[in-house]
């Protein structure tokens, strides 16, 4: 799936560049990737495959508004010591469509990063990971608590300690089996 996703993203970036620089480019790229994967892998009802993915695409523009599109990916913006969850489309990319289901159009959203210290991008594998004393999924609320605990407050501006965060997630998982891929990306934004 990784190689197909790379091909689809390359083709989506190229196709969107032919349409010129616009503020809705991120969403158009994800929509193109969705159509590409469906046509390459999941076009036929008779096929046994039903591959797809979640994705986050950031059109970073220093000094001004940036733009992003998110296909079922959780992204949190760190502003000082707080975290705000960014909006995301609930649809994933590429999976076979059910009869009567409409094609997804991924929305491009504006993102003012002027006060943002970092973006934390997490896959559903982290949120769905079981652990803790009761064997419950980590979930959004527990993840936010771990994020807040990983802030180095004595630095200016406060910064996120990614290694501490990963260690905290592993501690929560404990002896529970890993259920899915676990992706955590911290993008530190320089001021």
N, C-alpha and C. Protein backbone atom coordinates (compact mmCIF):
# COMPACT_ATOMS: atom_id res chain seq x y z
N UNK A 1 0.83 -1.20 0.00
CA UNK A 1 0.00 0.00 0.00
C UNK A 1 0.87 1.26 0.00
N UNK A 2 2.03 1.19 0.66
CA UNK A 2 2.90 2.36 0.75
C UNK A 2 3.36 2.83 -0.63
N UNK A 3 3.76 1.89 -1.47
CA UNK A 3 4.23 2.26 -2.81
C UNK A 3 3.10 2.82 -3.66
N UNK A 4 1.92 2.23 -3.53
CA UNK A 4 0.76 2.74 -4.27
C UNK A 4 0.40 4.15 -3.78
N UNK A 5 0.45 4.36 -2.47
CA UNK A 5 0.15 5.68 -1.92
C UNK A 5 1.15 6.72 -2.42
N UNK A 6 2.41 6.32 -2.50
CA UNK A 6 3.43 7.25 -3.01
C UNK A 6 3.14 7.62 -4.47
N UNK A 7 2.82 6.62 -5.28
CA UNK A 7 2.46 6.90 -6.68
C UNK A 7 1.25 7.82 -6.77
N UNK A 8 0.25 7.53 -5.95
CA UNK A 8 -0.99 8.32 -5.97
C UNK A 8 -0.72 9.76 -5.54
N UNK A 9 0.08 9.95 -4.50
CA UNK A 9 0.40 11.31 -4.05
C UNK A 9 1.19 12.07 -5.10
N UNK A 10 2.19 11.41 -5.69
CA UNK A 10 2.96 12.06 -6.76
C UNK A 10 2.04 12.50 -7.90
N UNK A 11 1.15 11.61 -8.31
CA UNK A 11 0.23 11.93 -9.41
C UNK A 11 -0.73 13.05 -9.00
N UNK A 12 -1.19 13.03 -7.75
CA UNK A 12 -2.09 14.08 -7.26
C UNK A 12 -1.42 15.44 -7.20
N UNK A 13 -0.17 15.47 -6.76
CA UNK A 13 0.57 16.74 -6.71
C UNK A 13 0.78 17.27 -8.12
N UNK A 14 1.16 16.38 -9.04
CA UNK A 14 1.37 16.80 -10.43
C UNK A 14 0.07 17.31 -11.06
N UNK A 15 -1.02 16.57 -10.87
CA UNK A 15 -2.30 16.98 -11.46
C UNK A 15 -2.76 18.32 -10.89
N UNK A 16 -2.58 18.52 -9.59
CA UNK A 16 -3.02 19.77 -8.98
C UNK A 16 -2.12 20.94 -9.37
N UNK A 17 -0.85 20.67 -9.66
CA UNK A 17 0.04 21.77 -10.06
C UNK A 17 -0.33 22.29 -11.45
N UNK A 18 -0.93 21.43 -12.26
CA UNK A 18 -1.40 21.86 -13.57
C UNK A 18 -2.59 22.82 -13.47
N UNK A 19 -3.26 22.79 -12.31
CA UNK A 19 -4.42 23.65 -12.09
C UNK A 19 -4.03 24.98 -11.43
N UNK A 20 -2.74 25.17 -11.16
CA UNK A 20 -2.26 26.41 -10.57
C UNK A 20 -2.31 26.38 -9.05
N UNK A 21 -1.62 27.34 -8.46
CA UNK A 21 -1.56 27.46 -7.01
C UNK A 21 -2.87 28.05 -6.49
N UNK A 22 -3.62 27.25 -5.78
CA UNK A 22 -4.86 27.73 -5.19
C UNK A 22 -4.91 27.30 -3.74
N UNK A 23 -5.79 27.91 -2.99
CA UNK A 23 -5.89 27.61 -1.57
C UNK A 23 -6.61 26.30 -1.28
N UNK A 24 -7.21 25.68 -2.27
CA UNK A 24 -7.91 24.41 -2.03
C UNK A 24 -7.10 23.21 -2.52
N UNK A 25 -5.83 23.42 -2.76
CA UNK A 25 -4.99 22.37 -3.37
C UNK A 25 -4.89 21.11 -2.49
N UNK A 26 -4.73 21.26 -1.18
CA UNK A 26 -4.55 20.09 -0.31
C UNK A 26 -5.74 19.13 -0.43
N UNK A 27 -6.94 19.65 -0.38
CA UNK A 27 -8.13 18.80 -0.51
C UNK A 27 -8.24 18.16 -1.87
N UNK A 28 -7.88 18.92 -2.91
CA UNK A 28 -7.93 18.36 -4.27
C UNK A 28 -6.94 17.21 -4.43
N UNK A 29 -5.77 17.35 -3.81
CA UNK A 29 -4.77 16.27 -3.89
C UNK A 29 -5.32 15.01 -3.23
N UNK A 30 -5.88 15.13 -2.02
CA UNK A 30 -6.41 13.94 -1.34
C UNK A 30 -7.58 13.34 -2.10
N UNK A 31 -8.42 14.16 -2.71
CA UNK A 31 -9.52 13.64 -3.53
C UNK A 31 -8.97 12.88 -4.72
N UNK A 32 -7.94 13.39 -5.35
CA UNK A 32 -7.31 12.70 -6.48
C UNK A 32 -6.70 11.37 -6.02
N UNK A 33 -6.02 11.36 -4.88
CA UNK A 33 -5.43 10.13 -4.34
C UNK A 33 -6.51 9.09 -4.07
N UNK A 34 -7.63 9.53 -3.52
CA UNK A 34 -8.76 8.63 -3.25
C UNK A 34 -9.25 7.97 -4.54
N UNK A 35 -9.45 8.77 -5.57
CA UNK A 35 -9.91 8.24 -6.86
C UNK A 35 -8.87 7.32 -7.49
N UNK A 36 -7.59 7.67 -7.39
CA UNK A 36 -6.50 6.88 -7.95
C UNK A 36 -6.46 5.49 -7.31
N UNK A 37 -6.48 5.44 -5.99
CA UNK A 37 -6.40 4.15 -5.29
C UNK A 37 -7.63 3.30 -5.57
N UNK A 38 -8.80 3.93 -5.59
CA UNK A 38 -10.01 3.16 -5.92
C UNK A 38 -9.92 2.56 -7.32
N UNK A 39 -9.43 3.33 -8.27
CA UNK A 39 -9.37 2.83 -9.66
C UNK A 39 -8.28 1.78 -9.83
N UNK A 40 -7.19 1.87 -9.09
CA UNK A 40 -6.08 0.93 -9.23
C UNK A 40 -6.31 -0.37 -8.47
N UNK A 41 -6.97 -0.29 -7.33
CA UNK A 41 -7.03 -1.46 -6.44
C UNK A 41 -8.45 -1.95 -6.19
N UNK A 42 -9.37 -1.04 -5.99
CA UNK A 42 -10.69 -1.41 -5.49
C UNK A 42 -11.82 -1.11 -6.47
N UNK A 43 -11.51 -1.10 -7.77
CA UNK A 43 -12.52 -0.71 -8.76
C UNK A 43 -13.59 -1.76 -8.97
N UNK A 44 -13.24 -3.01 -8.86
CA UNK A 44 -14.17 -4.08 -9.18
C UNK A 44 -14.81 -4.65 -7.92
N UNK A 45 -16.12 -4.88 -8.00
CA UNK A 45 -16.80 -5.52 -6.87
C UNK A 45 -16.32 -6.95 -6.67
N UNK A 46 -15.77 -7.56 -7.73
CA UNK A 46 -15.33 -8.95 -7.64
C UNK A 46 -13.96 -9.12 -7.01
N UNK A 47 -13.24 -8.04 -6.79
CA UNK A 47 -11.90 -8.15 -6.20
C UNK A 47 -12.00 -8.41 -4.71
N UNK A 48 -11.03 -9.16 -4.19
CA UNK A 48 -11.05 -9.46 -2.77
C UNK A 48 -10.37 -8.37 -1.95
N UNK A 49 -9.64 -7.47 -2.60
CA UNK A 49 -8.95 -6.43 -1.85
C UNK A 49 -9.90 -5.28 -1.52
N UNK A 50 -9.61 -4.65 -0.42
CA UNK A 50 -10.31 -3.43 -0.04
C UNK A 50 -9.32 -2.58 0.74
N UNK A 51 -8.31 -2.09 0.03
CA UNK A 51 -7.24 -1.34 0.67
C UNK A 51 -7.54 0.15 0.68
N UNK A 52 -7.01 0.81 1.68
CA UNK A 52 -7.15 2.24 1.79
C UNK A 52 -6.23 2.76 2.87
N UNK A 53 -6.40 4.03 3.19
CA UNK A 53 -5.52 4.64 4.19
C UNK A 53 -6.16 5.92 4.71
N UNK A 54 -5.59 6.41 5.79
CA UNK A 54 -5.90 7.73 6.30
C UNK A 54 -4.73 8.63 5.91
N UNK A 55 -4.95 9.92 5.83
CA UNK A 55 -3.87 10.82 5.40
C UNK A 55 -4.08 12.22 5.94
N UNK A 56 -2.96 12.93 6.09
CA UNK A 56 -2.96 14.35 6.45
C UNK A 56 -1.98 15.03 5.51
N UNK A 57 -2.41 16.11 4.89
CA UNK A 57 -1.58 16.84 3.95
C UNK A 57 -1.54 18.30 4.36
N UNK A 58 -0.34 18.81 4.60
CA UNK A 58 -0.15 20.20 5.02
C UNK A 58 0.50 20.99 3.90
N UNK A 59 -0.15 22.06 3.50
CA UNK A 59 0.40 23.01 2.53
C UNK A 59 0.94 24.17 3.36
N UNK A 60 2.20 24.02 3.80
CA UNK A 60 2.82 24.96 4.73
C UNK A 60 3.29 26.20 4.00
N UNK A 61 2.84 27.35 4.51
CA UNK A 61 3.22 28.63 3.90
C UNK A 61 3.72 29.56 5.02
N UNK A 62 5.03 29.61 5.22
CA UNK A 62 5.58 30.45 6.29
C UNK A 62 5.18 31.92 6.12
N UNK A 63 4.86 32.55 7.23
CA UNK A 63 4.54 33.97 7.21
C UNK A 63 3.11 34.29 6.84
N UNK A 64 2.32 33.30 6.54
CA UNK A 64 0.91 33.53 6.19
C UNK A 64 0.08 32.33 6.60
N UNK A 65 -1.15 32.32 6.16
CA UNK A 65 -2.01 31.17 6.45
C UNK A 65 -1.52 29.96 5.67
N UNK A 66 -1.50 28.82 6.35
CA UNK A 66 -1.23 27.55 5.70
C UNK A 66 -2.57 26.87 5.46
N UNK A 67 -2.53 25.75 4.74
CA UNK A 67 -3.75 25.03 4.41
C UNK A 67 -3.50 23.54 4.61
N UNK A 68 -4.57 22.81 4.97
CA UNK A 68 -4.41 21.37 5.15
C UNK A 68 -5.69 20.65 4.75
N UNK A 69 -5.53 19.35 4.53
CA UNK A 69 -6.67 18.46 4.34
C UNK A 69 -6.35 17.21 5.14
N UNK A 70 -7.37 16.64 5.76
CA UNK A 70 -7.17 15.47 6.60
C UNK A 70 -8.26 14.44 6.33
N UNK A 71 -7.82 13.25 5.96
CA UNK A 71 -8.73 12.14 5.71
C UNK A 71 -8.66 11.21 6.92
N UNK A 72 -9.53 11.44 7.89
CA UNK A 72 -9.67 10.58 9.06
C UNK A 72 -8.38 10.48 9.88
N UNK A 73 -7.59 11.54 9.92
CA UNK A 73 -6.35 11.56 10.70
C UNK A 73 -6.52 12.57 11.82
N UNK A 74 -6.06 12.24 13.02
CA UNK A 74 -6.14 13.15 14.15
C UNK A 74 -4.87 13.99 14.21
N UNK A 75 -5.06 15.30 14.27
CA UNK A 75 -3.94 16.23 14.35
C UNK A 75 -4.26 17.25 15.44
N UNK A 76 -3.27 17.49 16.29
CA UNK A 76 -3.43 18.42 17.39
C UNK A 76 -2.41 19.55 17.24
N UNK A 77 -2.87 20.78 17.41
CA UNK A 77 -1.99 21.95 17.37
C UNK A 77 -1.65 22.34 18.80
N UNK A 78 -0.34 22.47 19.08
CA UNK A 78 0.10 22.93 20.39
C UNK A 78 0.23 24.44 20.36
N UNK A 79 -0.53 25.10 21.22
CA UNK A 79 -0.45 26.55 21.39
C UNK A 79 -0.12 26.78 22.86
N UNK A 80 1.08 27.28 23.12
CA UNK A 80 1.64 27.36 24.47
C UNK A 80 1.62 25.96 25.08
N UNK A 81 0.86 25.76 26.17
CA UNK A 81 0.83 24.45 26.82
C UNK A 81 -0.48 23.71 26.57
N UNK A 82 -1.29 24.21 25.66
CA UNK A 82 -2.58 23.60 25.35
C UNK A 82 -2.56 22.95 23.98
N UNK A 83 -3.51 22.04 23.76
CA UNK A 83 -3.63 21.35 22.48
C UNK A 83 -5.06 21.49 21.96
N UNK A 84 -5.15 21.80 20.68
CA UNK A 84 -6.45 21.94 20.02
C UNK A 84 -6.49 20.92 18.88
N UNK A 85 -7.57 20.14 18.83
CA UNK A 85 -7.71 19.16 17.75
C UNK A 85 -8.19 19.86 16.49
N UNK A 86 -7.49 19.61 15.38
CA UNK A 86 -7.89 20.18 14.10
C UNK A 86 -9.05 19.39 13.52
N UNK A 87 -9.88 20.07 12.74
CA UNK A 87 -10.99 19.39 12.05
C UNK A 87 -10.44 18.41 11.03
N UNK A 88 -11.20 17.35 10.79
CA UNK A 88 -10.81 16.33 9.82
C UNK A 88 -12.06 15.79 9.14
N UNK A 89 -11.90 15.43 7.86
CA UNK A 89 -12.99 14.70 7.20
C UNK A 89 -12.99 13.28 7.76
N UNK A 90 -14.17 12.72 7.97
CA UNK A 90 -14.27 11.39 8.57
C UNK A 90 -13.97 10.27 7.59
N UNK A 91 -14.02 10.55 6.30
CA UNK A 91 -13.78 9.52 5.29
C UNK A 91 -12.31 9.18 5.20
N UNK A 92 -12.03 7.91 4.94
CA UNK A 92 -10.68 7.47 4.63
C UNK A 92 -10.51 7.48 3.12
N UNK A 93 -9.31 7.19 2.67
CA UNK A 93 -8.98 7.23 1.25
C UNK A 93 -8.93 5.82 0.67
N UNK A 94 -9.57 5.63 -0.48
CA UNK A 94 -9.35 4.46 -1.31
C UNK A 94 -10.21 3.24 -1.08
N UNK A 95 -10.85 3.10 0.04
CA UNK A 95 -11.63 1.90 0.29
C UNK A 95 -12.78 1.77 -0.69
N UNK A 96 -13.16 0.52 -0.98
CA UNK A 96 -14.25 0.25 -1.91
C UNK A 96 -15.53 0.91 -1.41
N UNK A 97 -16.27 1.47 -2.33
CA UNK A 97 -17.51 2.16 -1.98
C UNK A 97 -18.67 1.17 -1.97
N UNK A 98 -19.57 1.38 -1.04
CA UNK A 98 -20.78 0.58 -0.96
C UNK A 98 -21.79 1.12 -1.97
N UNK A 99 -22.72 0.28 -2.45
CA UNK A 99 -23.74 0.77 -3.39
C UNK A 99 -24.49 1.97 -2.80
N UNK A 100 -24.62 3.02 -3.60
CA UNK A 100 -25.31 4.23 -3.18
C UNK A 100 -24.44 5.22 -2.41
N UNK A 101 -23.24 4.82 -2.05
CA UNK A 101 -22.34 5.71 -1.31
C UNK A 101 -21.75 6.75 -2.26
N UNK A 102 -21.69 7.99 -1.81
CA UNK A 102 -21.14 9.07 -2.64
C UNK A 102 -19.63 9.16 -2.46
N UNK A 103 -18.96 9.57 -3.54
CA UNK A 103 -17.51 9.77 -3.48
C UNK A 103 -17.18 10.89 -2.48
N UNK A 104 -16.07 10.70 -1.81
CA UNK A 104 -15.62 11.71 -0.85
C UNK A 104 -14.97 12.88 -1.57
N UNK A 105 -15.24 14.05 -1.08
CA UNK A 105 -14.53 15.26 -1.49
C UNK A 105 -13.85 15.77 -0.23
N UNK A 106 -12.54 15.82 -0.25
CA UNK A 106 -11.81 16.22 0.94
C UNK A 106 -11.66 17.74 0.97
N UNK A 107 -12.01 18.31 2.09
CA UNK A 107 -12.06 19.76 2.25
C UNK A 107 -10.68 20.30 2.64
N UNK A 108 -10.31 21.41 2.02
CA UNK A 108 -9.11 22.14 2.42
C UNK A 108 -9.52 23.14 3.49
N UNK A 109 -8.76 23.15 4.57
CA UNK A 109 -9.05 24.06 5.67
C UNK A 109 -7.87 25.02 5.86
N UNK A 110 -8.19 26.24 6.28
CA UNK A 110 -7.17 27.24 6.55
C UNK A 110 -6.61 27.01 7.95
N UNK A 111 -5.31 27.22 8.10
CA UNK A 111 -4.64 26.99 9.38
C UNK A 111 -3.67 28.13 9.65
N UNK A 112 -3.98 28.92 10.68
CA UNK A 112 -3.08 29.99 11.11
C UNK A 112 -2.10 29.39 12.11
N UNK A 113 -0.84 29.30 11.72
CA UNK A 113 0.17 28.68 12.56
C UNK A 113 1.01 29.70 13.33
N UNK A 114 0.60 30.97 13.32
CA UNK A 114 1.42 32.02 13.93
C UNK A 114 1.66 31.81 15.42
N UNK A 115 0.73 31.22 16.15
CA UNK A 115 0.89 30.97 17.59
C UNK A 115 1.14 29.50 17.89
N UNK A 116 1.30 28.68 16.88
CA UNK A 116 1.43 27.23 17.07
C UNK A 116 2.89 26.84 17.25
N UNK A 117 3.15 26.11 18.34
CA UNK A 117 4.51 25.62 18.61
C UNK A 117 4.81 24.37 17.81
N UNK A 118 3.81 23.47 17.73
CA UNK A 118 4.01 22.22 17.00
C UNK A 118 2.67 21.65 16.57
N UNK A 119 2.74 20.74 15.61
CA UNK A 119 1.59 19.93 15.20
C UNK A 119 1.91 18.49 15.57
N UNK A 120 0.95 17.81 16.18
CA UNK A 120 1.12 16.41 16.56
C UNK A 120 0.14 15.61 15.72
N UNK A 121 0.69 14.72 14.90
CA UNK A 121 -0.11 13.93 13.96
C UNK A 121 -0.09 12.48 14.45
N UNK A 122 -1.27 11.91 14.71
CA UNK A 122 -1.33 10.55 15.25
C UNK A 122 -2.28 9.68 14.42
N UNK A 123 -1.87 8.45 14.23
CA UNK A 123 -2.73 7.50 13.51
C UNK A 123 -3.74 6.88 14.47
N UNK A 124 -4.77 6.28 13.90
CA UNK A 124 -5.78 5.63 14.72
C UNK A 124 -5.20 4.45 15.50
N UNK A 125 -4.07 3.91 15.04
CA UNK A 125 -3.42 2.82 15.76
C UNK A 125 -3.00 3.22 17.16
N UNK A 126 -2.62 4.47 17.34
CA UNK A 126 -2.26 4.96 18.68
C UNK A 126 -3.53 5.15 19.51
N UNK A 127 -4.53 5.78 18.94
CA UNK A 127 -5.76 6.04 19.69
C UNK A 127 -6.50 4.75 20.06
N UNK A 128 -6.42 3.74 19.20
CA UNK A 128 -7.13 2.48 19.43
C UNK A 128 -6.33 1.48 20.27
N UNK A 129 -5.06 1.80 20.58
CA UNK A 129 -4.21 0.85 21.29
C UNK A 129 -4.73 0.60 22.70
N UNK A 130 -4.91 -0.67 23.02
CA UNK A 130 -5.37 -1.04 24.36
C UNK A 130 -4.19 -0.98 25.33
N UNK A 131 -4.52 -0.71 26.60
CA UNK A 131 -3.48 -0.66 27.63
C UNK A 131 -4.06 -0.16 28.93
N UNK A 132 -3.17 0.26 29.81
CA UNK A 132 -3.59 0.75 31.12
C UNK A 132 -4.09 -0.38 32.00
N UNK A 133 -4.45 -0.06 33.21
CA UNK A 133 -4.89 -1.06 34.19
C UNK A 133 -6.13 -1.82 33.75
N UNK A 134 -7.02 -1.18 32.99
CA UNK A 134 -8.27 -1.82 32.58
C UNK A 134 -8.26 -2.34 31.15
N UNK A 135 -7.14 -2.20 30.45
CA UNK A 135 -7.06 -2.69 29.07
C UNK A 135 -7.94 -1.92 28.10
N UNK A 136 -8.12 -0.62 28.35
CA UNK A 136 -8.96 0.22 27.50
C UNK A 136 -8.13 0.88 26.41
N UNK A 137 -8.80 1.28 25.33
CA UNK A 137 -8.12 2.02 24.26
C UNK A 137 -7.58 3.33 24.83
N UNK A 138 -6.44 3.76 24.29
CA UNK A 138 -5.84 5.02 24.75
C UNK A 138 -6.82 6.17 24.55
N UNK A 139 -7.36 6.31 23.36
CA UNK A 139 -8.38 7.32 23.10
C UNK A 139 -7.85 8.75 23.11
N UNK A 140 -8.72 9.64 22.73
CA UNK A 140 -8.39 11.06 22.58
C UNK A 140 -8.10 11.73 23.92
N UNK A 141 -8.93 11.50 24.91
CA UNK A 141 -8.77 12.16 26.22
C UNK A 141 -7.46 11.76 26.89
N UNK A 142 -7.15 10.47 26.90
CA UNK A 142 -5.90 10.02 27.51
C UNK A 142 -4.69 10.54 26.72
N UNK A 143 -4.82 10.55 25.38
CA UNK A 143 -3.72 11.09 24.57
C UNK A 143 -3.48 12.56 24.91
N UNK A 144 -4.54 13.34 25.04
CA UNK A 144 -4.38 14.75 25.40
C UNK A 144 -3.67 14.90 26.75
N UNK A 145 -4.00 14.03 27.71
CA UNK A 145 -3.31 14.06 29.00
C UNK A 145 -1.83 13.75 28.84
N UNK A 146 -1.50 12.75 27.99
CA UNK A 146 -0.10 12.42 27.75
C UNK A 146 0.62 13.58 27.04
N UNK A 147 -0.05 14.22 26.10
CA UNK A 147 0.55 15.36 25.41
C UNK A 147 0.87 16.48 26.40
N UNK A 148 -0.09 16.80 27.27
CA UNK A 148 0.13 17.86 28.25
C UNK A 148 1.26 17.49 29.21
N UNK A 149 1.40 16.20 29.54
CA UNK A 149 2.48 15.75 30.42
C UNK A 149 3.84 15.75 29.75
N UNK A 150 3.87 15.81 28.43
CA UNK A 150 5.14 15.78 27.69
C UNK A 150 5.65 17.18 27.35
N UNK A 151 4.98 18.21 27.84
CA UNK A 151 5.41 19.59 27.58
C UNK A 151 6.58 19.94 28.50
N UNK A 152 7.62 20.48 27.92
CA UNK A 152 8.74 21.01 28.70
C UNK A 152 8.42 22.48 28.94
N UNK A 153 7.98 22.77 30.16
CA UNK A 153 7.46 24.11 30.46
C UNK A 153 8.55 25.12 30.77
N UNK A 154 9.73 24.65 31.15
CA UNK A 154 10.78 25.60 31.51
C UNK A 154 11.54 26.12 30.30
N UNK A 155 11.11 25.71 29.11
CA UNK A 155 11.72 26.27 27.90
C UNK A 155 10.81 27.38 27.38
N UNK A 156 11.39 28.29 26.64
CA UNK A 156 10.58 29.37 26.09
C UNK A 156 10.77 29.39 24.58
N UNK A 157 9.76 29.13 23.79
CA UNK A 157 8.40 28.76 24.19
C UNK A 157 8.36 27.31 24.68
N UNK A 158 7.26 26.93 25.37
CA UNK A 158 7.13 25.54 25.83
C UNK A 158 7.20 24.59 24.63
N UNK A 159 7.96 23.51 24.78
CA UNK A 159 8.07 22.58 23.66
C UNK A 159 7.69 21.17 24.09
N UNK A 160 7.35 20.38 23.11
CA UNK A 160 6.90 19.01 23.33
C UNK A 160 8.10 18.07 23.27
N UNK A 161 8.22 17.20 24.26
CA UNK A 161 9.29 16.19 24.29
C UNK A 161 8.75 14.92 23.63
N UNK A 162 9.07 14.75 22.35
CA UNK A 162 8.55 13.62 21.57
C UNK A 162 8.98 12.27 22.12
N UNK A 163 10.23 12.15 22.59
CA UNK A 163 10.72 10.88 23.14
C UNK A 163 9.95 10.52 24.40
N UNK A 164 9.69 11.51 25.26
CA UNK A 164 8.92 11.26 26.48
C UNK A 164 7.49 10.85 26.13
N UNK A 165 6.92 11.49 25.12
CA UNK A 165 5.56 11.16 24.68
C UNK A 165 5.49 9.71 24.20
N UNK A 166 6.43 9.30 23.35
CA UNK A 166 6.43 7.90 22.86
C UNK A 166 6.61 6.93 24.01
N UNK A 167 7.49 7.25 24.94
CA UNK A 167 7.70 6.40 26.11
C UNK A 167 6.42 6.28 26.93
N UNK A 168 5.69 7.37 27.07
CA UNK A 168 4.42 7.36 27.82
C UNK A 168 3.38 6.49 27.12
N UNK A 169 3.34 6.54 25.79
CA UNK A 169 2.41 5.71 25.03
C UNK A 169 2.78 4.23 25.18
N UNK A 170 4.07 3.93 25.12
CA UNK A 170 4.53 2.55 25.31
C UNK A 170 4.22 2.06 26.72
N UNK A 171 4.40 2.93 27.73
CA UNK A 171 4.06 2.56 29.10
C UNK A 171 2.58 2.26 29.22
N UNK A 172 1.73 3.06 28.57
CA UNK A 172 0.29 2.81 28.61
C UNK A 172 -0.03 1.46 27.97
N UNK A 173 0.62 1.15 26.85
CA UNK A 173 0.38 -0.11 26.15
C UNK A 173 0.75 -1.30 27.04
N UNK A 174 1.83 -1.17 27.79
CA UNK A 174 2.25 -2.26 28.68
C UNK A 174 2.47 -3.54 27.91
N UNK A 175 1.88 -4.63 28.39
CA UNK A 175 2.04 -5.95 27.76
C UNK A 175 0.98 -6.24 26.70
N UNK A 176 0.10 -5.28 26.44
CA UNK A 176 -0.94 -5.50 25.42
C UNK A 176 -0.30 -5.60 24.04
N UNK A 177 -0.86 -6.46 23.22
CA UNK A 177 -0.37 -6.62 21.85
C UNK A 177 -0.68 -5.37 21.03
N UNK A 178 0.27 -5.00 20.16
CA UNK A 178 0.03 -3.87 19.26
C UNK A 178 -1.01 -4.29 18.25
N UNK A 179 -2.07 -3.49 18.08
CA UNK A 179 -3.21 -3.86 17.25
C UNK A 179 -3.11 -3.36 15.82
N UNK A 180 -2.37 -2.29 15.59
CA UNK A 180 -2.36 -1.63 14.29
C UNK A 180 -1.04 -0.86 14.19
N UNK A 181 -0.78 -0.32 13.00
CA UNK A 181 0.40 0.53 12.88
C UNK A 181 0.22 1.74 13.79
N UNK A 182 1.33 2.18 14.38
CA UNK A 182 1.28 3.31 15.30
C UNK A 182 2.21 4.40 14.75
N UNK A 183 1.60 5.47 14.28
CA UNK A 183 2.36 6.58 13.71
C UNK A 183 2.17 7.82 14.57
N UNK A 184 3.28 8.43 14.96
CA UNK A 184 3.26 9.67 15.71
C UNK A 184 4.31 10.58 15.08
N UNK A 185 3.87 11.74 14.62
CA UNK A 185 4.79 12.72 14.03
C UNK A 185 4.58 14.03 14.76
N UNK A 186 5.68 14.61 15.23
CA UNK A 186 5.64 15.92 15.86
C UNK A 186 6.39 16.88 14.95
N UNK A 187 5.68 17.86 14.41
CA UNK A 187 6.30 18.89 13.57
C UNK A 187 6.50 20.13 14.43
N UNK A 188 7.75 20.41 14.77
CA UNK A 188 8.06 21.62 15.53
C UNK A 188 8.14 22.79 14.56
N UNK A 189 7.45 23.85 14.87
CA UNK A 189 7.40 25.01 13.99
C UNK A 189 8.27 26.11 14.57
N UNK A 190 9.29 26.49 13.83
CA UNK A 190 10.17 27.55 14.31
C UNK A 190 9.50 28.90 14.13
N UNK A 191 9.77 29.77 15.03
CA UNK A 191 9.20 31.13 14.98
C UNK A 191 10.19 32.08 14.36
